[in-house]
């Protein structure tokens, strides 16, 4: 099993949120990200600090994590970098 690096984990978390209509409850996101709760909390804090996600609380929907435009931009640039690396077989 290959370990994911930091950028890949960030990409995975943001992609999971994006694929869930841009928002998601905390527990399903934790499960789908395949991280321990401690590591997930560290990444969540990092992404909040970098303004790639934000957290909201609603009486009906509960606590939700949403992807920001900056998080969407990260996904686009990540995809471009991966494409570049694959194109030049680096």
PDB file of N, CA and C in Angstrom:
ATOM      1  N   UNK A   1       0.845  -1.179   0.000  1.00  0.00           N
ATOM      2  CA  UNK A   1       0.000   0.000   0.000  1.00  0.00           C
ATOM      3  C   UNK A   1       0.892   1.245   0.000  1.00  0.00           C
ATOM      4  N   UNK A   2       0.661   2.128  -0.940  1.00  0.00           N
ATOM      5  CA  UNK A   2       1.464   3.336  -1.080  1.00  0.00           C
ATOM      6  C   UNK A   2       0.885   4.434  -0.188  1.00  0.00           C
ATOM      7  N   UNK A   3       1.774   5.097   0.558  1.00  0.00           N
ATOM      8  CA  UNK A   3       1.343   6.205   1.417  1.00  0.00           C
ATOM      9  C   UNK A   3       1.081   7.446   0.572  1.00  0.00           C
ATOM     10  N   UNK A   4       0.046   8.175   0.936  1.00  0.00           N
ATOM     11  CA  UNK A   4      -0.254   9.430   0.244  1.00  0.00           C
ATOM     12  C   UNK A   4       0.584  10.548   0.847  1.00  0.00           C
ATOM     13  N   UNK A   5       1.039  11.474  -0.003  1.00  0.00           N
ATOM     14  CA  UNK A   5       1.752  12.630   0.517  1.00  0.00           C
ATOM     15  C   UNK A   5       0.739  13.712   0.900  1.00  0.00           C
ATOM     16  N   UNK A   6       1.239  14.776   1.493  1.00  0.00           N
ATOM     17  CA  UNK A   6       0.369  15.831   2.018  1.00  0.00           C
ATOM     18  C   UNK A   6      -0.524  16.435   0.934  1.00  0.00           C
ATOM     19  N   UNK A   7       0.053  16.749  -0.232  1.00  0.00           N
ATOM     20  CA  UNK A   7      -0.742  17.356  -1.297  1.00  0.00           C
ATOM     21  C   UNK A   7      -1.836  16.422  -1.791  1.00  0.00           C
ATOM     22  N   UNK A   8      -1.533  15.143  -1.849  1.00  0.00           N
ATOM     23  CA  UNK A   8      -2.524  14.171  -2.303  1.00  0.00           C
ATOM     24  C   UNK A   8      -3.676  14.042  -1.294  1.00  0.00           C
ATOM     25  N   UNK A   9      -3.355  14.097  -0.016  1.00  0.00           N
ATOM     26  CA  UNK A   9      -4.404  14.021   1.013  1.00  0.00           C
ATOM     27  C   UNK A   9      -5.284  15.261   0.949  1.00  0.00           C
ATOM     28  N   UNK A  10      -4.665  16.428   0.790  1.00  0.00           N
ATOM     29  CA  UNK A  10      -5.439  17.667   0.656  1.00  0.00           C
ATOM     30  C   UNK A  10      -6.345  17.572  -0.563  1.00  0.00           C
ATOM     31  N   UNK A  11      -5.791  17.110  -1.680  1.00  0.00           N
ATOM     32  CA  UNK A  11      -6.584  16.950  -2.910  1.00  0.00           C
ATOM     33  C   UNK A  11      -7.751  16.006  -2.667  1.00  0.00           C
ATOM     34  N   UNK A  12      -7.501  14.892  -1.991  1.00  0.00           N
ATOM     35  CA  UNK A  12      -8.560  13.912  -1.731  1.00  0.00           C
ATOM     36  C   UNK A  12      -9.684  14.512  -0.892  1.00  0.00           C
ATOM     37  N   UNK A  13      -9.325  15.232   0.166  1.00  0.00           N
ATOM     38  CA  UNK A  13     -10.347  15.838   1.032  1.00  0.00           C
ATOM     39  C   UNK A  13     -11.181  16.843   0.249  1.00  0.00           C
ATOM     40  N   UNK A  14     -10.515  17.725  -0.493  1.00  0.00           N
ATOM     41  CA  UNK A  14     -11.239  18.744  -1.272  1.00  0.00           C
ATOM     42  C   UNK A  14     -12.102  18.102  -2.353  1.00  0.00           C
ATOM     43  N   UNK A  15     -11.585  17.067  -2.991  1.00  0.00           N
ATOM     44  CA  UNK A  15     -12.331  16.385  -4.057  1.00  0.00           C
ATOM     45  C   UNK A  15     -13.584  15.701  -3.502  1.00  0.00           C
ATOM     46  N   UNK A  16     -13.458  15.100  -2.332  1.00  0.00           N
ATOM     47  CA  UNK A  16     -14.616  14.453  -1.699  1.00  0.00           C
ATOM     48  C   UNK A  16     -15.715  15.485  -1.441  1.00  0.00           C
ATOM     49  N   UNK A  17     -15.313  16.645  -0.922  1.00  0.00           N
ATOM     50  CA  UNK A  17     -16.295  17.704  -0.648  1.00  0.00           C
ATOM     51  C   UNK A  17     -16.923  18.181  -1.957  1.00  0.00           C
ATOM     52  N   UNK A  18     -16.085  18.450  -2.961  1.00  0.00           N
ATOM     53  CA  UNK A  18     -16.575  18.939  -4.262  1.00  0.00           C
ATOM     54  C   UNK A  18     -17.572  17.963  -4.864  1.00  0.00           C
ATOM     55  N   UNK A  19     -17.255  16.677  -4.821  1.00  0.00           N
ATOM     56  CA  UNK A  19     -18.126  15.665  -5.415  1.00  0.00           C
ATOM     57  C   UNK A  19     -19.431  15.480  -4.638  1.00  0.00           C
ATOM     58  N   UNK A  20     -19.502  16.057  -3.464  1.00  0.00           N
ATOM     59  CA  UNK A  20     -20.724  15.986  -2.654  1.00  0.00           C
ATOM     60  C   UNK A  20     -21.438  17.346  -2.695  1.00  0.00           C
ATOM     61  N   UNK A  21     -21.483  17.936  -3.868  1.00  0.00           N
ATOM     62  CA  UNK A  21     -22.155  19.213  -4.108  1.00  0.00           C
ATOM     63  C   UNK A  21     -21.524  20.377  -3.346  1.00  0.00           C
ATOM     64  N   UNK A  22     -20.233  20.263  -3.021  1.00  0.00           N
ATOM     65  CA  UNK A  22     -19.504  21.365  -2.401  1.00  0.00           C
ATOM     66  C   UNK A  22     -19.653  21.479  -0.898  1.00  0.00           C
ATOM     67  N   UNK A  23     -20.389  20.561  -0.287  1.00  0.00           N
ATOM     68  CA  UNK A  23     -20.541  20.599   1.174  1.00  0.00           C
ATOM     69  C   UNK A  23     -20.746  19.188   1.704  1.00  0.00           C
ATOM     70  N   UNK A  24     -20.388  19.026   2.975  1.00  0.00           N
ATOM     71  CA  UNK A  24     -20.464  17.679   3.536  1.00  0.00           C
ATOM     72  C   UNK A  24     -20.425  17.742   5.056  1.00  0.00           C
ATOM     73  N   UNK A  25     -21.095  16.788   5.683  1.00  0.00           N
ATOM     74  CA  UNK A  25     -21.008  16.677   7.138  1.00  0.00           C
ATOM     75  C   UNK A  25     -19.646  16.110   7.519  1.00  0.00           C
ATOM     76  N   UNK A  26     -19.233  16.432   8.733  1.00  0.00           N
ATOM     77  CA  UNK A  26     -17.906  16.071   9.207  1.00  0.00           C
ATOM     78  C   UNK A  26     -17.648  14.565   9.248  1.00  0.00           C
ATOM     79  N   UNK A  27     -18.533  13.797   9.833  1.00  0.00           N
ATOM     80  CA  UNK A  27     -18.288  12.364  10.024  1.00  0.00           C
ATOM     81  C   UNK A  27     -18.145  11.604   8.703  1.00  0.00           C
ATOM     82  N   UNK A  28     -19.041  11.810   7.729  1.00  0.00           N
ATOM     83  CA  UNK A  28     -18.836  11.117   6.450  1.00  0.00           C
ATOM     84  C   UNK A  28     -17.536  11.547   5.754  1.00  0.00           C
ATOM     85  N   UNK A  29     -17.180  12.817   5.882  1.00  0.00           N
ATOM     86  CA  UNK A  29     -15.932  13.298   5.290  1.00  0.00           C
ATOM     87  C   UNK A  29     -14.738  12.615   5.944  1.00  0.00           C
ATOM     88  N   UNK A  30     -14.767  12.499   7.253  1.00  0.00           N
ATOM     89  CA  UNK A  30     -13.703  11.804   7.983  1.00  0.00           C
ATOM     90  C   UNK A  30     -13.577  10.369   7.491  1.00  0.00           C
ATOM     91  N   UNK A  31     -14.697   9.664   7.384  1.00  0.00           N
ATOM     92  CA  UNK A  31     -14.671   8.269   6.931  1.00  0.00           C
ATOM     93  C   UNK A  31     -14.135   8.135   5.510  1.00  0.00           C
ATOM     94  N   UNK A  32     -14.641   8.982   4.612  1.00  0.00           N
ATOM     95  CA  UNK A  32     -14.247   8.883   3.203  1.00  0.00           C
ATOM     96  C   UNK A  32     -12.804   9.325   2.956  1.00  0.00           C
ATOM     97  N   UNK A  33     -12.260  10.164   3.837  1.00  0.00           N
ATOM     98  CA  UNK A  33     -10.881  10.629   3.644  1.00  0.00           C
ATOM     99  C   UNK A  33      -9.866   9.561   4.037  1.00  0.00           C
ATOM    100  N   UNK A  34     -10.315   8.539   4.744  1.00  0.00           N
ATOM    101  CA  UNK A  34      -9.467   7.415   5.136  1.00  0.00           C
ATOM    102  C   UNK A  34      -8.267   7.868   5.982  1.00  0.00           C
ATOM    103  N   UNK A  35      -8.545   8.750   6.947  1.00  0.00           N
ATOM    104  CA  UNK A  35      -7.523   9.236   7.875  1.00  0.00           C
ATOM    105  C   UNK A  35      -7.980   8.954   9.300  1.00  0.00           C
ATOM    106  N   UNK A  36      -7.024   8.907  10.210  1.00  0.00           N
ATOM    107  CA  UNK A  36      -7.399   8.808  11.623  1.00  0.00           C
ATOM    108  C   UNK A  36      -8.048  10.128  12.031  1.00  0.00           C
ATOM    109  N   UNK A  37      -8.803  10.123  13.101  1.00  0.00           N
ATOM    110  CA  UNK A  37      -9.454  11.368  13.522  1.00  0.00           C
ATOM    111  C   UNK A  37      -8.439  12.452  13.871  1.00  0.00           C
ATOM    112  N   UNK A  38      -7.306  12.084  14.433  1.00  0.00           N
ATOM    113  CA  UNK A  38      -6.257  13.065  14.773  1.00  0.00           C
ATOM    114  C   UNK A  38      -5.670  13.691  13.501  1.00  0.00           C
ATOM    115  N   UNK A  39      -5.299  12.843  12.541  1.00  0.00           N
ATOM    116  CA  UNK A  39      -4.727  13.372  11.286  1.00  0.00           C
ATOM    117  C   UNK A  39      -5.765  14.189  10.528  1.00  0.00           C
ATOM    118  N   UNK A  40      -7.015  13.730  10.532  1.00  0.00           N
ATOM    119  CA  UNK A  40      -8.069  14.478   9.863  1.00  0.00           C
ATOM    120  C   UNK A  40      -8.222  15.857  10.504  1.00  0.00           C
ATOM    121  N   UNK A  41      -8.212  15.912  11.827  1.00  0.00           N
ATOM    122  CA  UNK A  41      -8.339  17.191  12.535  1.00  0.00           C
ATOM    123  C   UNK A  41      -7.197  18.136  12.167  1.00  0.00           C
ATOM    124  N   UNK A  42      -5.990  17.599  12.050  1.00  0.00           N
ATOM    125  CA  UNK A  42      -4.835  18.412  11.655  1.00  0.00           C
ATOM    126  C   UNK A  42      -5.019  18.973  10.243  1.00  0.00           C
ATOM    127  N   UNK A  43      -5.445  18.136   9.315  1.00  0.00           N
ATOM    128  CA  UNK A  43      -5.665  18.598   7.941  1.00  0.00           C
ATOM    129  C   UNK A  43      -6.819  19.585   7.871  1.00  0.00           C
ATOM    130  N   UNK A  44      -7.870  19.329   8.619  1.00  0.00           N
ATOM    131  CA  UNK A  44      -9.018  20.240   8.636  1.00  0.00           C
ATOM    132  C   UNK A  44      -8.589  21.615   9.122  1.00  0.00           C
ATOM    133  N   UNK A  45      -7.819  21.667  10.202  1.00  0.00           N
ATOM    134  CA  UNK A  45      -7.320  22.940  10.722  1.00  0.00           C
ATOM    135  C   UNK A  45      -6.461  23.648   9.687  1.00  0.00           C
ATOM    136  N   UNK A  46      -5.580  22.895   9.039  1.00  0.00           N
ATOM    137  CA  UNK A  46      -4.710  23.461   8.006  1.00  0.00           C
ATOM    138  C   UNK A  46      -5.527  24.032   6.849  1.00  0.00           C
ATOM    139  N   UNK A  47      -6.521  23.289   6.393  1.00  0.00           N
ATOM    140  CA  UNK A  47      -7.355  23.761   5.285  1.00  0.00           C
ATOM    141  C   UNK A  47      -8.210  24.963   5.675  1.00  0.00           C
ATOM    142  N   UNK A  48      -8.677  24.997   6.914  1.00  0.00           N
ATOM    143  CA  UNK A  48      -9.411  26.171   7.400  1.00  0.00           C
ATOM    144  C   UNK A  48      -8.489  27.394   7.448  1.00  0.00           C
ATOM    145  N   UNK A  49      -7.274  27.214   7.967  1.00  0.00           N
ATOM    146  CA  UNK A  49      -6.307  28.307   8.049  1.00  0.00           C
ATOM    147  C   UNK A  49      -5.939  28.845   6.667  1.00  0.00           C
ATOM    148  N   UNK A  50      -5.865  27.944   5.685  1.00  0.00           N
ATOM    149  CA  UNK A  50      -5.508  28.342   4.312  1.00  0.00           C
ATOM    150  C   UNK A  50      -6.724  28.814   3.510  1.00  0.00           C
ATOM    151  N   UNK A  51      -7.886  28.818   4.148  1.00  0.00           N
ATOM    152  CA  UNK A  51      -9.149  29.267   3.558  1.00  0.00           C
ATOM    153  C   UNK A  51      -9.549  28.472   2.315  1.00  0.00           C
ATOM    154  N   UNK A  52      -9.244  27.165   2.335  1.00  0.00           N
ATOM    155  CA  UNK A  52      -9.668  26.280   1.249  1.00  0.00           C
ATOM    156  C   UNK A  52     -11.011  25.637   1.564  1.00  0.00           C
ATOM    157  N   UNK A  53     -11.363  25.611   2.850  1.00  0.00           N
ATOM    158  CA  UNK A  53     -12.669  25.136   3.304  1.00  0.00           C
ATOM    159  C   UNK A  53     -13.159  26.093   4.382  1.00  0.00           C
ATOM    160  N   UNK A  54     -14.444  26.036   4.661  1.00  0.00           N
ATOM    161  CA  UNK A  54     -14.959  26.705   5.853  1.00  0.00           C
ATOM    162  C   UNK A  54     -16.060  25.854   6.453  1.00  0.00           C
ATOM    163  N   UNK A  55     -16.317  26.134   7.712  1.00  0.00           N
ATOM    164  CA  UNK A  55     -17.264  25.333   8.484  1.00  0.00           C
ATOM    165  C   UNK A  55     -18.480  26.192   8.789  1.00  0.00           C
ATOM    166  N   UNK A  56     -19.638  25.585   8.687  1.00  0.00           N
ATOM    167  CA  UNK A  56     -20.870  26.299   8.990  1.00  0.00           C
ATOM    168  C   UNK A  56     -21.767  25.408   9.847  1.00  0.00           C
ATOM    169  N   UNK A  57     -22.626  26.033  10.600  1.00  0.00           N
ATOM    170  CA  UNK A  57     -23.563  25.289  11.461  1.00  0.00           C
ATOM    171  C   UNK A  57     -24.972  25.747  11.118  1.00  0.00           C
ATOM    172  N   UNK A  58     -25.848  24.789  10.899  1.00  0.00           N
ATOM    173  CA  UNK A  58     -27.235  25.061  10.555  1.00  0.00           C
ATOM    174  C   UNK A  58     -28.105  24.178  11.438  1.00  0.00           C
ATOM    175  N   UNK A  59     -29.207  24.723  11.930  1.00  0.00           N
ATOM    176  CA  UNK A  59     -30.070  23.927  12.813  1.00  0.00           C
ATOM    177  C   UNK A  59     -30.627  22.699  12.108  1.00  0.00           C
ATOM    178  N   UNK A  60     -30.959  22.814  10.823  1.00  0.00           N
ATOM    179  CA  UNK A  60     -31.510  21.681  10.081  1.00  0.00           C
ATOM    180  C   UNK A  60     -30.421  20.704   9.636  1.00  0.00           C
ATOM    181  N   UNK A  61     -29.362  21.234   9.026  1.00  0.00           N
ATOM    182  CA  UNK A  61     -28.336  20.384   8.430  1.00  0.00           C
ATOM    183  C   UNK A  61     -27.195  20.045   9.378  1.00  0.00           C
ATOM    184  N   UNK A  62     -27.080  20.741  10.493  1.00  0.00           N
ATOM    185  CA  UNK A  62     -25.983  20.497  11.418  1.00  0.00           C
ATOM    186  C   UNK A  62     -24.696  21.146  10.941  1.00  0.00           C
ATOM    187  N   UNK A  63     -23.583  20.654  11.442  1.00  0.00           N
ATOM    188  CA  UNK A  63     -22.278  21.206  11.074  1.00  0.00           C
ATOM    189  C   UNK A  63     -21.855  20.684   9.712  1.00  0.00           C
ATOM    190  N   UNK A  64     -21.462  21.585   8.838  1.00  0.00           N
ATOM    191  CA  UNK A  64     -21.066  21.222   7.481  1.00  0.00           C
ATOM    192  C   UNK A  64     -19.702  21.819   7.152  1.00  0.00           C
ATOM    193  N   UNK A  65     -18.962  21.125   6.304  1.00  0.00           N
ATOM    194  CA  UNK A  65     -17.702  21.624   5.751  1.00  0.00           C
ATOM    195  C   UNK A  65     -17.981  21.966   4.292  1.00  0.00           C
ATOM    196  N   UNK A  66     -17.609  23.164   3.879  1.00  0.00           N
ATOM    197  CA  UNK A  66     -17.818  23.607   2.505  1.00  0.00           C
ATOM    198  C   UNK A  66     -16.487  23.940   1.858  1.00  0.00           C
ATOM    199  N   UNK A  67     -16.384  23.691   0.562  1.00  0.00           N
ATOM    200  CA  UNK A  67     -15.184  24.037  -0.179  1.00  0.00           C
ATOM    201  C   UNK A  67     -15.306  25.490  -0.638  1.00  0.00           C
ATOM    202  N   UNK A  68     -14.221  26.221  -0.591  1.00  0.00           N
ATOM    203  CA  UNK A  68     -14.203  27.626  -1.001  1.00  0.00           C
ATOM    204  C   UNK A  68     -13.690  27.738  -2.439  1.00  0.00           C
ATOM    205  N   UNK A  69     -13.826  28.924  -3.043  1.00  0.00           N
ATOM    206  CA  UNK A  69     -13.228  29.126  -4.370  1.00  0.00           C
ATOM    207  C   UNK A  69     -11.721  28.845  -4.374  1.00  0.00           C
ATOM    208  N   UNK A  70     -11.044  29.168  -3.295  1.00  0.00           N
ATOM    209  CA  UNK A  70      -9.609  28.892  -3.196  1.00  0.00           C
ATOM    210  C   UNK A  70      -9.352  27.378  -3.207  1.00  0.00           C
ATOM    211  N   UNK A  71     -10.211  26.610  -2.560  1.00  0.00           N
ATOM    212  CA  UNK A  71     -10.100  25.156  -2.575  1.00  0.00           C
ATOM    213  C   UNK A  71     -10.343  24.598  -3.969  1.00  0.00           C
ATOM    214  N   UNK A  72     -11.312  25.176  -4.684  1.00  0.00           N
ATOM    215  CA  UNK A  72     -11.579  24.758  -6.066  1.00  0.00           C
ATOM    216  C   UNK A  72     -10.376  25.072  -6.953  1.00  0.00           C
ATOM    217  N   UNK A  73      -9.764  26.222  -6.740  1.00  0.00           N
ATOM    218  CA  UNK A  73      -8.583  26.616  -7.508  1.00  0.00           C
ATOM    219  C   UNK A  73      -7.427  25.640  -7.254  1.00  0.00           C
ATOM    220  N   UNK A  74      -7.270  25.213  -5.990  1.00  0.00           N
ATOM    221  CA  UNK A  74      -6.240  24.227  -5.667  1.00  0.00           C
ATOM    222  C   UNK A  74      -6.448  22.958  -6.484  1.00  0.00           C
ATOM    223  N   UNK A  75      -7.695  22.478  -6.556  1.00  0.00           N
ATOM    224  CA  UNK A  75      -7.983  21.252  -7.302  1.00  0.00           C
ATOM    225  C   UNK A  75      -7.632  21.410  -8.781  1.00  0.00           C
ATOM    226  N   UNK A  76      -7.965  22.556  -9.362  1.00  0.00           N
ATOM    227  CA  UNK A  76      -7.659  22.803 -10.771  1.00  0.00           C
ATOM    228  C   UNK A  76      -6.149  22.805 -11.005  1.00  0.00           C
ATOM    229  N   UNK A  77      -5.403  23.497 -10.142  1.00  0.00           N
ATOM    230  CA  UNK A  77      -3.951  23.582 -10.314  1.00  0.00           C
ATOM    231  C   UNK A  77      -3.288  22.236 -10.029  1.00  0.00           C
ATOM    232  N   UNK A  78      -3.799  21.488  -9.075  1.00  0.00           N
ATOM    233  CA  UNK A  78      -3.270  20.161  -8.782  1.00  0.00           C
ATOM    234  C   UNK A  78      -3.424  19.264 -10.012  1.00  0.00           C
ATOM    235  N   UNK A  79      -4.614  19.327 -10.610  1.00  0.00           N
ATOM    236  CA  UNK A  79      -4.885  18.520 -11.803  1.00  0.00           C
ATOM    237  C   UNK A  79      -3.927  18.912 -12.940  1.00  0.00           C
ATOM    238  N   UNK A  80      -3.664  20.207 -13.106  1.00  0.00           N
ATOM    239  CA  UNK A  80      -2.748  20.677 -14.153  1.00  0.00           C
ATOM    240  C   UNK A  80      -1.323  20.178 -13.905  1.00  0.00           C
ATOM    241  N   UNK A  81      -0.889  20.196 -12.656  1.00  0.00           N
ATOM    242  CA  UNK A  81       0.461  19.726 -12.322  1.00  0.00           C
ATOM    243  C   UNK A  81       0.591  18.234 -12.597  1.00  0.00           C
ATOM    244  N   UNK A  82      -0.397  17.464 -12.185  1.00  0.00           N
ATOM    245  CA  UNK A  82      -0.369  16.015 -12.423  1.00  0.00           C
ATOM    246  C   UNK A  82      -0.335  15.739 -13.925  1.00  0.00           C
ATOM    247  N   UNK A  83      -1.138  16.472 -14.681  1.00  0.00           N
ATOM    248  CA  UNK A  83      -1.157  16.302 -16.140  1.00  0.00           C
ATOM    249  C   UNK A  83       0.218  16.618 -16.726  1.00  0.00           C
ATOM    250  N   UNK A  84       0.841  17.690 -16.274  1.00  0.00           N
ATOM    251  CA  UNK A  84       2.171  18.083 -16.743  1.00  0.00           C
ATOM    252  C   UNK A  84       3.192  16.981 -16.464  1.00  0.00           C
ATOM    253  N   UNK A  85       3.195  16.474 -15.234  1.00  0.00           N
ATOM    254  CA  UNK A  85       4.148  15.433 -14.836  1.00  0.00           C
ATOM    255  C   UNK A  85       3.931  14.177 -15.691  1.00  0.00           C
ATOM    256  N   UNK A  86       2.689  13.798 -15.897  1.00  0.00           N
ATOM    257  CA  UNK A  86       2.394  12.606 -16.713  1.00  0.00           C
ATOM    258  C   UNK A  86       2.772  12.821 -18.184  1.00  0.00           C
ATOM    259  N   UNK A  87       2.515  14.012 -18.692  1.00  0.00           N
ATOM    260  CA  UNK A  87       2.801  14.321 -20.090  1.00  0.00           C
ATOM    261  C   UNK A  87       4.287  14.198 -20.402  1.00  0.00           C
ATOM    262  N   UNK A  88       5.123  14.613 -19.475  1.00  0.00           N
ATOM    263  CA  UNK A  88       6.579  14.570 -19.687  1.00  0.00           C
ATOM    264  C   UNK A  88       7.219  13.354 -19.028  1.00  0.00           C
ATOM    265  N   UNK A  89       6.385  12.445 -18.557  1.00  0.00           N
ATOM    266  CA  UNK A  89       6.857  11.194 -17.957  1.00  0.00           C
ATOM    267  C   UNK A  89       7.920  11.436 -16.892  1.00  0.00           C
ATOM    268  N   UNK A  90       7.616  12.381 -15.997  1.00  0.00           N
ATOM    269  CA  UNK A  90       8.558  12.724 -14.927  1.00  0.00           C
ATOM    270  C   UNK A  90       8.295  11.916 -13.673  1.00  0.00           C
TER     271      UNK A  90
END
